[in-house]
């Protein structure tokens, strides 16, 4: 679910609903 180069994650939420969420530079660094 982790696409660190693209700075995105594929989240599996409630009722197995999926969404793509980007994350910031600081999160990528850490």
ModelCIF file with pLDDT and N, C-alpha, C, O atoms, coordinates in Angstrom:
data_MODEL
#
_entry.id   MODEL 
#
_entity.id                         1 
_entity.type                       polymer 
_entity.pdbx_number_of_molecules   1 
#
_entity_poly.entity_id                      1 
_entity_poly.type                           'polypeptide(L)' 
_entity_poly.nstd_linkage                   no 
_entity_poly.nstd_monomer                   no 
_entity_poly.pdbx_seq_one_letter_code       
;(UNK)(UNK)(UNK)(UNK)(UNK)(UNK)(UNK)(UNK)(UNK)(UNK)(UNK)(UNK)(UNK)(UNK)(UNK)(UNK)
(UNK)(UNK)(UNK)(UNK)(UNK)(UNK)(UNK)(UNK)(UNK)(UNK)(UNK)(UNK)(UNK)(UNK)
;
_entity_poly.pdbx_seq_one_letter_code_can   XXXXXXXXXXXXXXXXXXXXXXXXXXXXXX 
_entity_poly.pdbx_strand_id                 A 
#
loop_
_entity_poly_seq.entity_id 
_entity_poly_seq.num 
_entity_poly_seq.mon_id 
_entity_poly_seq.hetero 
1 1  UNK n 
1 2  UNK n 
1 3  UNK n 
1 4  UNK n 
1 5  UNK n 
1 6  UNK n 
1 7  UNK n 
1 8  UNK n 
1 9  UNK n 
1 10 UNK n 
1 11 UNK n 
1 12 UNK n 
1 13 UNK n 
1 14 UNK n 
1 15 UNK n 
1 16 UNK n 
1 17 UNK n 
1 18 UNK n 
1 19 UNK n 
1 20 UNK n 
1 21 UNK n 
1 22 UNK n 
1 23 UNK n 
1 24 UNK n 
1 25 UNK n 
1 26 UNK n 
1 27 UNK n 
1 28 UNK n 
1 29 UNK n 
1 30 UNK n 
#
_struct_asym.id          A 
_struct_asym.entity_id   1 
#
loop_
_ma_qa_metric.id 
_ma_qa_metric.mode 
_ma_qa_metric.name 
_ma_qa_metric.software_group_id 
_ma_qa_metric.type 
1 global pLDDT . pLDDT 
2 local  pLDDT . pLDDT 
#
_ma_qa_metric_global.metric_id      1 
_ma_qa_metric_global.metric_value   93.23 
_ma_qa_metric_global.model_id       1 
_ma_qa_metric_global.ordinal_id     1 
#
loop_
_ma_qa_metric_local.label_asym_id 
_ma_qa_metric_local.label_comp_id 
_ma_qa_metric_local.label_seq_id 
_ma_qa_metric_local.metric_id 
_ma_qa_metric_local.metric_value 
_ma_qa_metric_local.model_id 
_ma_qa_metric_local.ordinal_id 
A UNK 1  2 97.00 1 1  
A UNK 2  2 97.00 1 2  
A UNK 3  2 96.00 1 3  
A UNK 4  2 93.00 1 4  
A UNK 5  2 93.00 1 5  
A UNK 6  2 94.00 1 6  
A UNK 7  2 95.00 1 7  
A UNK 8  2 95.00 1 8  
A UNK 9  2 96.00 1 9  
A UNK 10 2 96.00 1 10 
A UNK 11 2 96.00 1 11 
A UNK 12 2 91.00 1 12 
A UNK 13 2 87.00 1 13 
A UNK 14 2 86.00 1 14 
A UNK 15 2 84.00 1 15 
A UNK 16 2 87.00 1 16 
A UNK 17 2 89.00 1 17 
A UNK 18 2 93.00 1 18 
A UNK 19 2 94.00 1 19 
A UNK 20 2 94.00 1 20 
A UNK 21 2 94.00 1 21 
A UNK 22 2 94.00 1 22 
A UNK 23 2 94.00 1 23 
A UNK 24 2 92.00 1 24 
A UNK 25 2 93.00 1 25 
A UNK 26 2 94.00 1 26 
A UNK 27 2 95.00 1 27 
A UNK 28 2 96.00 1 28 
A UNK 29 2 96.00 1 29 
A UNK 30 2 96.00 1 30 
#
loop_
_atom_site.group_PDB 
_atom_site.id 
_atom_site.type_symbol 
_atom_site.label_atom_id 
_atom_site.label_alt_id 
_atom_site.label_comp_id 
_atom_site.label_asym_id 
_atom_site.label_entity_id 
_atom_site.label_seq_id 
_atom_site.pdbx_PDB_ins_code 
_atom_site.Cartn_x 
_atom_site.Cartn_y 
_atom_site.Cartn_z 
_atom_site.occupancy 
_atom_site.B_iso_or_equiv 
_atom_site.pdbx_formal_charge 
_atom_site.auth_seq_id 
_atom_site.auth_comp_id 
_atom_site.auth_asym_id 
_atom_site.auth_atom_id 
_atom_site.pdbx_PDB_model_num 
ATOM 1   N N  . UNK A 1 1  ? 0.819   -1.215 0.000  1.00 97.00 ? 1  UNK A N  1 
ATOM 2   C CA . UNK A 1 1  ? 0.000   0.000  0.000  1.00 97.00 ? 1  UNK A CA 1 
ATOM 3   C C  . UNK A 1 1  ? 0.854   1.267  0.000  1.00 97.00 ? 1  UNK A C  1 
ATOM 4   O O  . UNK A 1 1  ? 0.325   2.375  -0.091 1.00 97.00 ? 1  UNK A O  1 
ATOM 5   N N  . UNK A 1 2  ? 2.159   1.104  0.101  1.00 97.00 ? 2  UNK A N  1 
ATOM 6   C CA . UNK A 1 2  ? 3.065   2.238  0.233  1.00 97.00 ? 2  UNK A CA 1 
ATOM 7   C C  . UNK A 1 2  ? 3.816   2.496  -1.063 1.00 97.00 ? 2  UNK A C  1 
ATOM 8   O O  . UNK A 1 2  ? 4.476   1.601  -1.591 1.00 97.00 ? 2  UNK A O  1 
ATOM 9   N N  . UNK A 1 3  ? 3.717   3.720  -1.578 1.00 96.00 ? 3  UNK A N  1 
ATOM 10  C CA . UNK A 1 3  ? 4.412   4.141  -2.793 1.00 96.00 ? 3  UNK A CA 1 
ATOM 11  C C  . UNK A 1 3  ? 5.274   5.349  -2.418 1.00 96.00 ? 3  UNK A C  1 
ATOM 12  O O  . UNK A 1 3  ? 4.904   6.499  -2.653 1.00 96.00 ? 3  UNK A O  1 
ATOM 13  N N  . UNK A 1 4  ? 6.424   5.053  -1.831 1.00 93.00 ? 4  UNK A N  1 
ATOM 14  C CA . UNK A 1 4  ? 7.209   6.113  -1.220 1.00 93.00 ? 4  UNK A CA 1 
ATOM 15  C C  . UNK A 1 4  ? 7.812   7.056  -2.249 1.00 93.00 ? 4  UNK A C  1 
ATOM 16  O O  . UNK A 1 4  ? 7.942   8.249  -1.974 1.00 93.00 ? 4  UNK A O  1 
ATOM 17  N N  . UNK A 1 5  ? 8.181   6.563  -3.419 1.00 93.00 ? 5  UNK A N  1 
ATOM 18  C CA . UNK A 1 5  ? 8.736   7.431  -4.456 1.00 93.00 ? 5  UNK A CA 1 
ATOM 19  C C  . UNK A 1 5  ? 7.691   8.427  -4.956 1.00 93.00 ? 5  UNK A C  1 
ATOM 20  O O  . UNK A 1 5  ? 7.998   9.587  -5.231 1.00 93.00 ? 5  UNK A O  1 
ATOM 21  N N  . UNK A 1 6  ? 6.459   7.952  -5.067 1.00 94.00 ? 6  UNK A N  1 
ATOM 22  C CA . UNK A 1 6  ? 5.356   8.816  -5.521 1.00 94.00 ? 6  UNK A CA 1 
ATOM 23  C C  . UNK A 1 6  ? 4.750   9.612  -4.370 1.00 94.00 ? 6  UNK A C  1 
ATOM 24  O O  . UNK A 1 6  ? 3.916   10.491 -4.586 1.00 94.00 ? 6  UNK A O  1 
ATOM 25  N N  . UNK A 1 7  ? 5.179   9.297  -3.131 1.00 95.00 ? 7  UNK A N  1 
ATOM 26  C CA . UNK A 1 7  ? 4.658   9.936  -1.927 1.00 95.00 ? 7  UNK A CA 1 
ATOM 27  C C  . UNK A 1 7  ? 3.146   9.775  -1.829 1.00 95.00 ? 7  UNK A C  1 
ATOM 28  O O  . UNK A 1 7  ? 2.399   10.740 -1.668 1.00 95.00 ? 7  UNK A O  1 
ATOM 29  N N  . UNK A 1 8  ? 2.728   8.525  -1.931 1.00 95.00 ? 8  UNK A N  1 
ATOM 30  C CA . UNK A 1 8  ? 1.310   8.199  -1.820 1.00 95.00 ? 8  UNK A CA 1 
ATOM 31  C C  . UNK A 1 8  ? 1.138   6.871  -1.094 1.00 95.00 ? 8  UNK A C  1 
ATOM 32  O O  . UNK A 1 8  ? 2.024   6.016  -1.110 1.00 95.00 ? 8  UNK A O  1 
ATOM 33  N N  . UNK A 1 9  ? -0.010  6.718  -0.464 1.00 96.00 ? 9  UNK A N  1 
ATOM 34  C CA . UNK A 1 9  ? -0.363  5.435  0.125  1.00 96.00 ? 9  UNK A CA 1 
ATOM 35  C C  . UNK A 1 9  ? -1.781  5.065  -0.314 1.00 96.00 ? 9  UNK A C  1 
ATOM 36  O O  . UNK A 1 9  ? -2.619  5.928  -0.575 1.00 96.00 ? 9  UNK A O  1 
ATOM 37  N N  . UNK A 1 10 ? -2.016  3.772  -0.387 1.00 96.00 ? 10 UNK A N  1 
ATOM 38  C CA . UNK A 1 10 ? -3.361  3.255  -0.689 1.00 96.00 ? 10 UNK A CA 1 
ATOM 39  C C  . UNK A 1 10 ? -3.959  2.798  0.630  1.00 96.00 ? 10 UNK A C  1 
ATOM 40  O O  . UNK A 1 10 ? -3.516  1.816  1.225  1.00 96.00 ? 10 UNK A O  1 
ATOM 41  N N  . UNK A 1 11 ? -4.952  3.511  1.065  1.00 96.00 ? 11 UNK A N  1 
ATOM 42  C CA . UNK A 1 11 ? -5.534  3.270  2.386  1.00 96.00 ? 11 UNK A CA 1 
ATOM 43  C C  . UNK A 1 11 ? -6.765  2.386  2.249  1.00 96.00 ? 11 UNK A C  1 
ATOM 44  O O  . UNK A 1 11 ? -7.609  2.611  1.382  1.00 96.00 ? 11 UNK A O  1 
ATOM 45  N N  . UNK A 1 12 ? -6.859  1.383  3.109  1.00 91.00 ? 12 UNK A N  1 
ATOM 46  C CA . UNK A 1 12 ? -8.045  0.539  3.173  1.00 91.00 ? 12 UNK A CA 1 
ATOM 47  C C  . UNK A 1 12 ? -8.799  0.943  4.429  1.00 91.00 ? 12 UNK A C  1 
ATOM 48  O O  . UNK A 1 12 ? -8.395  0.616  5.546  1.00 91.00 ? 12 UNK A O  1 
ATOM 49  N N  . UNK A 1 13 ? -9.898  1.657  4.230  1.00 87.00 ? 13 UNK A N  1 
ATOM 50  C CA . UNK A 1 13 ? -10.642 2.224  5.345  1.00 87.00 ? 13 UNK A CA 1 
ATOM 51  C C  . UNK A 1 13 ? -11.821 1.373  5.774  1.00 87.00 ? 13 UNK A C  1 
ATOM 52  O O  . UNK A 1 13 ? -11.810 0.150  5.635  1.00 87.00 ? 13 UNK A O  1 
ATOM 53  N N  . UNK A 1 14 ? -12.834 2.040  6.298  1.00 86.00 ? 14 UNK A N  1 
ATOM 54  C CA . UNK A 1 14 ? -14.024 1.354  6.782  1.00 86.00 ? 14 UNK A CA 1 
ATOM 55  C C  . UNK A 1 14 ? -14.749 0.668  5.628  1.00 86.00 ? 14 UNK A C  1 
ATOM 56  O O  . UNK A 1 14 ? -14.794 1.171  4.505  1.00 86.00 ? 14 UNK A O  1 
ATOM 57  N N  . UNK A 1 15 ? -15.315 -0.500 5.941  1.00 84.00 ? 15 UNK A N  1 
ATOM 58  C CA . UNK A 1 15 ? -16.048 -1.302 4.954  1.00 84.00 ? 15 UNK A CA 1 
ATOM 59  C C  . UNK A 1 15 ? -15.189 -1.597 3.724  1.00 84.00 ? 15 UNK A C  1 
ATOM 60  O O  . UNK A 1 15 ? -15.698 -1.708 2.609  1.00 84.00 ? 15 UNK A O  1 
ATOM 61  N N  . UNK A 1 16 ? -13.874 -1.723 3.948  1.00 87.00 ? 16 UNK A N  1 
ATOM 62  C CA . UNK A 1 16 ? -12.905 -2.083 2.907  1.00 87.00 ? 16 UNK A CA 1 
ATOM 63  C C  . UNK A 1 16 ? -12.852 -1.067 1.760  1.00 87.00 ? 16 UNK A C  1 
ATOM 64  O O  . UNK A 1 16 ? -12.413 -1.385 0.655  1.00 87.00 ? 16 UNK A O  1 
ATOM 65  N N  . UNK A 1 17 ? -13.300 0.141  2.036  1.00 89.00 ? 17 UNK A N  1 
ATOM 66  C CA . UNK A 1 17 ? -13.268 1.180  1.009  1.00 89.00 ? 17 UNK A CA 1 
ATOM 67  C C  . UNK A 1 17 ? -11.839 1.683  0.841  1.00 89.00 ? 17 UNK A C  1 
ATOM 68  O O  . UNK A 1 17 ? -11.177 2.015  1.824  1.00 89.00 ? 17 UNK A O  1 
ATOM 69  N N  . UNK A 1 18 ? -11.366 1.740  -0.394 1.00 93.00 ? 18 UNK A N  1 
ATOM 70  C CA . UNK A 1 18 ? -9.992  2.161  -0.659 1.00 93.00 ? 18 UNK A CA 1 
ATOM 71  C C  . UNK A 1 18 ? -9.941  3.614  -1.136 1.00 93.00 ? 18 UNK A C  1 
ATOM 72  O O  . UNK A 1 18 ? -10.858 4.113  -1.788 1.00 93.00 ? 18 UNK A O  1 
ATOM 73  N N  . UNK A 1 19 ? -8.838  4.268  -0.785 1.00 94.00 ? 19 UNK A N  1 
ATOM 74  C CA . UNK A 1 19 ? -8.600  5.625  -1.268 1.00 94.00 ? 19 UNK A CA 1 
ATOM 75  C C  . UNK A 1 19 ? -7.097  5.839  -1.403 1.00 94.00 ? 19 UNK A C  1 
ATOM 76  O O  . UNK A 1 19 ? -6.310  5.200  -0.706 1.00 94.00 ? 19 UNK A O  1 
ATOM 77  N N  . UNK A 1 20 ? -6.710  6.718  -2.279 1.00 94.00 ? 20 UNK A N  1 
ATOM 78  C CA . UNK A 1 20 ? -5.308  7.071  -2.458 1.00 94.00 ? 20 UNK A CA 1 
ATOM 79  C C  . UNK A 1 20 ? -5.073  8.427  -1.811 1.00 94.00 ? 20 UNK A C  1 
ATOM 80  O O  . UNK A 1 20 ? -5.783  9.391  -2.094 1.00 94.00 ? 20 UNK A O  1 
ATOM 81  N N  . UNK A 1 21 ? -4.066  8.494  -0.937 1.00 94.00 ? 21 UNK A N  1 
ATOM 82  C CA . UNK A 1 21 ? -3.796  9.730  -0.208 1.00 94.00 ? 21 UNK A CA 1 
ATOM 83  C C  . UNK A 1 21 ? -2.308  10.094 -0.357 1.00 94.00 ? 21 UNK A C  1 
ATOM 84  O O  . UNK A 1 21 ? -1.444  9.262  -0.079 1.00 94.00 ? 21 UNK A O  1 
ATOM 85  N N  . UNK A 1 22 ? -2.005  11.307 -0.784 1.00 94.00 ? 22 UNK A N  1 
ATOM 86  C CA . UNK A 1 22 ? -0.604  11.740 -0.873 1.00 94.00 ? 22 UNK A CA 1 
ATOM 87  C C  . UNK A 1 22 ? -0.080  12.135 0.506  1.00 94.00 ? 22 UNK A C  1 
ATOM 88  O O  . UNK A 1 22 ? -0.865  12.456 1.398  1.00 94.00 ? 22 UNK A O  1 
ATOM 89  N N  . UNK A 1 23 ? 1.229   12.115 0.684  1.00 94.00 ? 23 UNK A N  1 
ATOM 90  C CA . UNK A 1 23 ? 1.805   12.607 1.945  1.00 94.00 ? 23 UNK A CA 1 
ATOM 91  C C  . UNK A 1 23 ? 2.937   13.577 1.633  1.00 94.00 ? 23 UNK A C  1 
ATOM 92  O O  . UNK A 1 23 ? 3.485   13.587 0.531  1.00 94.00 ? 23 UNK A O  1 
ATOM 93  N N  . UNK A 1 24 ? 3.274   14.389 2.625  1.00 92.00 ? 24 UNK A N  1 
ATOM 94  C CA . UNK A 1 24 ? 4.231   15.481 2.434  1.00 92.00 ? 24 UNK A CA 1 
ATOM 95  C C  . UNK A 1 24 ? 5.687   15.063 2.483  1.00 92.00 ? 24 UNK A C  1 
ATOM 96  O O  . UNK A 1 24 ? 6.019   13.909 2.755  1.00 92.00 ? 24 UNK A O  1 
ATOM 97  N N  . UNK A 1 25 ? 6.541   16.029 2.213  1.00 93.00 ? 25 UNK A N  1 
ATOM 98  C CA . UNK A 1 25 ? 7.987   15.793 2.171  1.00 93.00 ? 25 UNK A CA 1 
ATOM 99  C C  . UNK A 1 25 ? 8.542   15.339 3.511  1.00 93.00 ? 25 UNK A C  1 
ATOM 100 O O  . UNK A 1 25 ? 9.402   14.460 3.568  1.00 93.00 ? 25 UNK A O  1 
ATOM 101 N N  . UNK A 1 26 ? 8.050   15.940 4.587  1.00 94.00 ? 26 UNK A N  1 
ATOM 102 C CA . UNK A 1 26 ? 8.566   15.577 5.908  1.00 94.00 ? 26 UNK A CA 1 
ATOM 103 C C  . UNK A 1 26 ? 8.224   14.133 6.239  1.00 94.00 ? 26 UNK A C  1 
ATOM 104 O O  . UNK A 1 26 ? 9.058   13.402 6.774  1.00 94.00 ? 26 UNK A O  1 
ATOM 105 N N  . UNK A 1 27 ? 7.003   13.718 5.923  1.00 95.00 ? 27 UNK A N  1 
ATOM 106 C CA . UNK A 1 27 ? 6.610   12.326 6.160  1.00 95.00 ? 27 UNK A CA 1 
ATOM 107 C C  . UNK A 1 27 ? 7.451   11.381 5.316  1.00 95.00 ? 27 UNK A C  1 
ATOM 108 O O  . UNK A 1 27 ? 7.854   10.319 5.792  1.00 95.00 ? 27 UNK A O  1 
ATOM 109 N N  . UNK A 1 28 ? 7.724   11.755 4.062  1.00 96.00 ? 28 UNK A N  1 
ATOM 110 C CA . UNK A 1 28 ? 8.557   10.922 3.186  1.00 96.00 ? 28 UNK A CA 1 
ATOM 111 C C  . UNK A 1 28 ? 9.968   10.785 3.752  1.00 96.00 ? 28 UNK A C  1 
ATOM 112 O O  . UNK A 1 28 ? 10.546  9.698  3.741  1.00 96.00 ? 28 UNK A O  1 
ATOM 113 N N  . UNK A 1 29 ? 10.510  11.879 4.240  1.00 96.00 ? 29 UNK A N  1 
ATOM 114 C CA . UNK A 1 29 ? 11.858  11.870 4.830  1.00 96.00 ? 29 UNK A CA 1 
ATOM 115 C C  . UNK A 1 29 ? 11.912  10.952 6.050  1.00 96.00 ? 29 UNK A C  1 
ATOM 116 O O  . UNK A 1 29 ? 12.837  10.152 6.193  1.00 96.00 ? 29 UNK A O  1 
ATOM 117 N N  . UNK A 1 30 ? 10.919  11.072 6.922  1.00 96.00 ? 30 UNK A N  1 
ATOM 118 C CA . UNK A 1 30 ? 10.909  10.271 8.149  1.00 96.00 ? 30 UNK A CA 1 
ATOM 119 C C  . UNK A 1 30 ? 10.647  8.802  7.851  1.00 96.00 ? 30 UNK A C  1 
ATOM 120 O O  . UNK A 1 30 ? 10.604  7.983  8.769  1.00 96.00 ? 30 UNK A O  1 
#
